[in-house]
């Protein structure tokens, strides 16, 4: 259903430093980059979903969408914990510490962060009861 997601940035190199280790942990790699945009996904599959960080195309300053959030599906609670730690180490801010959220279903485990530009991200596992 989702082809790609884009978030705006005011500093593309900072965005790359923030997202590179997170994407690596969830099995994605940087697929493309130039002076305006970087993307992560699977290099071997042009049709797989991609995540982009870019300077806004309209050249106005990047701003955060109120209510907008990108959620990355993750295999285990342990990996979600590690992604949260890396996000904090790379200049992110906490929006919800890792933990179970039973109101969203049995086994739903998530952590919520904002990247250095203020874009909200979630790392989620729908059956995080099993650790890897």
C-alpha atoms as a PDB file:
ATOM      1  CA  UNK A   1       0.000   0.000   0.000  1.00  0.00           C
ATOM      2  CA  UNK A   2       2.783   2.493   0.822  1.00  0.00           C
ATOM      3  CA  UNK A   3       5.212   3.331  -1.973  1.00  0.00           C
ATOM      4  CA  UNK A   4       7.417   5.744  -0.061  1.00  0.00           C
ATOM      5  CA  UNK A   5       7.505   8.220   2.799  1.00  0.00           C
ATOM      6  CA  UNK A   6       9.349  11.553   2.816  1.00  0.00           C
ATOM      7  CA  UNK A   7      10.358  13.810   5.682  1.00  0.00           C
ATOM      8  CA  UNK A   8      11.801  17.276   5.313  1.00  0.00           C
ATOM      9  CA  UNK A   9      15.146  18.312   6.729  1.00  0.00           C
ATOM     10  CA  UNK A  10      17.101  21.507   7.219  1.00  0.00           C
ATOM     11  CA  UNK A  11      20.433  19.619   7.205  1.00  0.00           C
ATOM     12  CA  UNK A  12      20.696  16.596   4.913  1.00  0.00           C
ATOM     13  CA  UNK A  13      24.095  15.433   6.226  1.00  0.00           C
ATOM     14  CA  UNK A  14      22.742  15.472   9.799  1.00  0.00           C
ATOM     15  CA  UNK A  15      19.684  13.510   8.622  1.00  0.00           C
ATOM     16  CA  UNK A  16      21.966  10.925   6.997  1.00  0.00           C
ATOM     17  CA  UNK A  17      23.979  10.560  10.225  1.00  0.00           C
ATOM     18  CA  UNK A  18      20.722  10.080  12.147  1.00  0.00           C
ATOM     19  CA  UNK A  19      19.011   7.638   9.764  1.00  0.00           C
ATOM     20  CA  UNK A  20      21.937   5.527   8.452  1.00  0.00           C
ATOM     21  CA  UNK A  21      22.431   3.416  11.623  1.00  0.00           C
ATOM     22  CA  UNK A  22      18.687   3.122  12.253  1.00  0.00           C
ATOM     23  CA  UNK A  23      17.987   1.887   8.738  1.00  0.00           C
ATOM     24  CA  UNK A  24      20.912  -0.533   8.856  1.00  0.00           C
ATOM     25  CA  UNK A  25      19.466  -2.153  11.995  1.00  0.00           C
ATOM     26  CA  UNK A  26      16.139  -2.790  10.264  1.00  0.00           C
ATOM     27  CA  UNK A  27      17.776  -4.230   7.151  1.00  0.00           C
ATOM     28  CA  UNK A  28      17.578  -1.180   4.902  1.00  0.00           C
ATOM     29  CA  UNK A  29      20.431   0.590   3.164  1.00  0.00           C
ATOM     30  CA  UNK A  30      20.971   3.966   1.605  1.00  0.00           C
ATOM     31  CA  UNK A  31      19.755   3.575  -1.972  1.00  0.00           C
ATOM     32  CA  UNK A  32      20.272   7.056  -3.321  1.00  0.00           C
ATOM     33  CA  UNK A  33      21.689  10.417  -2.336  1.00  0.00           C
ATOM     34  CA  UNK A  34      22.480  13.712  -3.969  1.00  0.00           C
ATOM     35  CA  UNK A  35      22.651  17.308  -2.734  1.00  0.00           C
ATOM     36  CA  UNK A  36      18.877  17.451  -2.141  1.00  0.00           C
ATOM     37  CA  UNK A  37      17.684  14.010  -1.074  1.00  0.00           C
ATOM     38  CA  UNK A  38      18.726  10.675   0.448  1.00  0.00           C
ATOM     39  CA  UNK A  39      16.681   7.489   0.431  1.00  0.00           C
ATOM     40  CA  UNK A  40      16.818   4.159   2.226  1.00  0.00           C
ATOM     41  CA  UNK A  41      15.303   0.828   1.284  1.00  0.00           C
ATOM     42  CA  UNK A  42      16.380  -2.247  -0.642  1.00  0.00           C
ATOM     43  CA  UNK A  43      18.832  -1.551  -3.455  1.00  0.00           C
ATOM     44  CA  UNK A  44      17.879  -4.804  -5.163  1.00  0.00           C
ATOM     45  CA  UNK A  45      14.163  -3.929  -5.447  1.00  0.00           C
ATOM     46  CA  UNK A  46      13.064  -0.671  -7.116  1.00  0.00           C
ATOM     47  CA  UNK A  47       9.443  -1.379  -6.195  1.00  0.00           C
ATOM     48  CA  UNK A  48       9.978  -1.923  -2.460  1.00  0.00           C
ATOM     49  CA  UNK A  49       8.899   0.910  -0.141  1.00  0.00           C
ATOM     50  CA  UNK A  50      11.472   3.630   0.443  1.00  0.00           C
ATOM     51  CA  UNK A  51      12.053   6.263   3.101  1.00  0.00           C
ATOM     52  CA  UNK A  52      13.373   9.677   2.022  1.00  0.00           C
ATOM     53  CA  UNK A  53      14.852  12.659   3.855  1.00  0.00           C
ATOM     54  CA  UNK A  54      15.065  15.745   1.683  1.00  0.00           C
ATOM     55  CA  UNK A  55      15.126  19.481   1.465  1.00  0.00           C
ATOM     56  CA  UNK A  56      11.577  20.623   0.610  1.00  0.00           C
ATOM     57  CA  UNK A  57      10.987  20.860  -3.133  1.00  0.00           C
ATOM     58  CA  UNK A  58       9.247  24.231  -2.754  1.00  0.00           C
ATOM     59  CA  UNK A  59      12.484  25.632  -1.211  1.00  0.00           C
ATOM     60  CA  UNK A  60      10.660  26.891   1.886  1.00  0.00           C
ATOM     61  CA  UNK A  61      12.002  25.782   5.286  1.00  0.00           C
ATOM     62  CA  UNK A  62      11.219  22.226   6.344  1.00  0.00           C
ATOM     63  CA  UNK A  63       8.485  21.988   8.960  1.00  0.00           C
ATOM     64  CA  UNK A  64       6.900  19.152  10.889  1.00  0.00           C
ATOM     65  CA  UNK A  65       3.436  17.916   9.953  1.00  0.00           C
ATOM     66  CA  UNK A  66       1.123  18.087  12.954  1.00  0.00           C
ATOM     67  CA  UNK A  67      -0.207  14.565  13.457  1.00  0.00           C
ATOM     68  CA  UNK A  68       2.153  13.029  10.879  1.00  0.00           C
ATOM     69  CA  UNK A  69       4.240  10.021  11.918  1.00  0.00           C
ATOM     70  CA  UNK A  70       6.207   7.323  10.118  1.00  0.00           C
ATOM     71  CA  UNK A  71       6.202   3.883  11.765  1.00  0.00           C
ATOM     72  CA  UNK A  72       8.898   1.317  11.033  1.00  0.00           C
ATOM     73  CA  UNK A  73       7.948  -2.337  11.558  1.00  0.00           C
ATOM     74  CA  UNK A  74      10.593  -4.055  13.700  1.00  0.00           C
ATOM     75  CA  UNK A  75      11.079  -7.741  14.552  1.00  0.00           C
ATOM     76  CA  UNK A  76      11.614  -7.656  18.317  1.00  0.00           C
ATOM     77  CA  UNK A  77      11.343  -5.607  21.480  1.00  0.00           C
ATOM     78  CA  UNK A  78      15.119  -5.806  21.905  1.00  0.00           C
ATOM     79  CA  UNK A  79      15.679  -4.291  18.488  1.00  0.00           C
ATOM     80  CA  UNK A  80      13.123  -1.558  19.207  1.00  0.00           C
ATOM     81  CA  UNK A  81      15.019  -0.760  22.420  1.00  0.00           C
ATOM     82  CA  UNK A  82      18.298  -0.518  20.474  1.00  0.00           C
ATOM     83  CA  UNK A  83      16.767   1.710  17.777  1.00  0.00           C
ATOM     84  CA  UNK A  84      15.488   4.029  20.499  1.00  0.00           C
ATOM     85  CA  UNK A  85      18.977   4.194  22.071  1.00  0.00           C
ATOM     86  CA  UNK A  86      20.620   5.005  18.738  1.00  0.00           C
ATOM     87  CA  UNK A  87      18.028   7.677  17.974  1.00  0.00           C
ATOM     88  CA  UNK A  88      18.781   9.340  21.315  1.00  0.00           C
ATOM     89  CA  UNK A  89      22.551   9.088  20.723  1.00  0.00           C
ATOM     90  CA  UNK A  90      22.156  10.698  17.274  1.00  0.00           C
ATOM     91  CA  UNK A  91      20.306  13.799  18.465  1.00  0.00           C
ATOM     92  CA  UNK A  92      16.724  12.562  18.476  1.00  0.00           C
ATOM     93  CA  UNK A  93      14.236  13.400  21.206  1.00  0.00           C
ATOM     94  CA  UNK A  94      11.992  11.041  23.142  1.00  0.00           C
ATOM     95  CA  UNK A  95       8.247  10.993  22.455  1.00  0.00           C
ATOM     96  CA  UNK A  96       7.490   7.705  24.232  1.00  0.00           C
ATOM     97  CA  UNK A  97       9.976   5.297  25.780  1.00  0.00           C
ATOM     98  CA  UNK A  98      10.042   1.686  24.554  1.00  0.00           C
ATOM     99  CA  UNK A  99       7.316  -0.431  26.063  1.00  0.00           C
ATOM    100  CA  UNK A 100       4.149  -2.418  25.587  1.00  0.00           C
ATOM    101  CA  UNK A 101       1.016  -0.483  24.615  1.00  0.00           C
ATOM    102  CA  UNK A 102      -1.816  -2.944  25.344  1.00  0.00           C
ATOM    103  CA  UNK A 103      -4.395  -0.398  24.198  1.00  0.00           C
ATOM    104  CA  UNK A 104      -3.150  -1.073  20.633  1.00  0.00           C
ATOM    105  CA  UNK A 105      -3.324  -4.859  20.917  1.00  0.00           C
ATOM    106  CA  UNK A 106      -1.772  -7.800  22.704  1.00  0.00           C
ATOM    107  CA  UNK A 107       1.960  -7.887  22.051  1.00  0.00           C
ATOM    108  CA  UNK A 108       2.153  -4.336  20.624  1.00  0.00           C
ATOM    109  CA  UNK A 109       5.529  -2.883  21.640  1.00  0.00           C
ATOM    110  CA  UNK A 110       6.730   0.518  20.467  1.00  0.00           C
ATOM    111  CA  UNK A 111       9.064   3.456  20.981  1.00  0.00           C
ATOM    112  CA  UNK A 112       8.407   6.969  19.707  1.00  0.00           C
ATOM    113  CA  UNK A 113      11.074   9.542  18.814  1.00  0.00           C
ATOM    114  CA  UNK A 114      11.557  12.736  16.874  1.00  0.00           C
ATOM    115  CA  UNK A 115      14.492  13.142  14.519  1.00  0.00           C
ATOM    116  CA  UNK A 116      16.697  16.255  14.818  1.00  0.00           C
ATOM    117  CA  UNK A 117      14.298  18.128  12.492  1.00  0.00           C
ATOM    118  CA  UNK A 118      11.289  17.258  14.672  1.00  0.00           C
ATOM    119  CA  UNK A 119       9.737  14.576  12.432  1.00  0.00           C
ATOM    120  CA  UNK A 120       7.934  11.956  14.537  1.00  0.00           C
ATOM    121  CA  UNK A 121       8.915   8.306  14.107  1.00  0.00           C
ATOM    122  CA  UNK A 122       7.732   5.081  15.684  1.00  0.00           C
ATOM    123  CA  UNK A 123       9.496   1.738  15.915  1.00  0.00           C
ATOM    124  CA  UNK A 124       6.787  -0.886  16.361  1.00  0.00           C
ATOM    125  CA  UNK A 125       6.432  -4.627  16.760  1.00  0.00           C
ATOM    126  CA  UNK A 126       3.038  -6.292  16.661  1.00  0.00           C
ATOM    127  CA  UNK A 127       4.163  -9.499  18.306  1.00  0.00           C
ATOM    128  CA  UNK A 128       7.139  -8.319  20.312  1.00  0.00           C
ATOM    129  CA  UNK A 129       6.712 -10.987  22.975  1.00  0.00           C
ATOM    130  CA  UNK A 130       9.456 -12.977  21.269  1.00  0.00           C
ATOM    131  CA  UNK A 131      12.924 -11.489  21.552  1.00  0.00           C
ATOM    132  CA  UNK A 132      15.594 -11.864  18.864  1.00  0.00           C
END
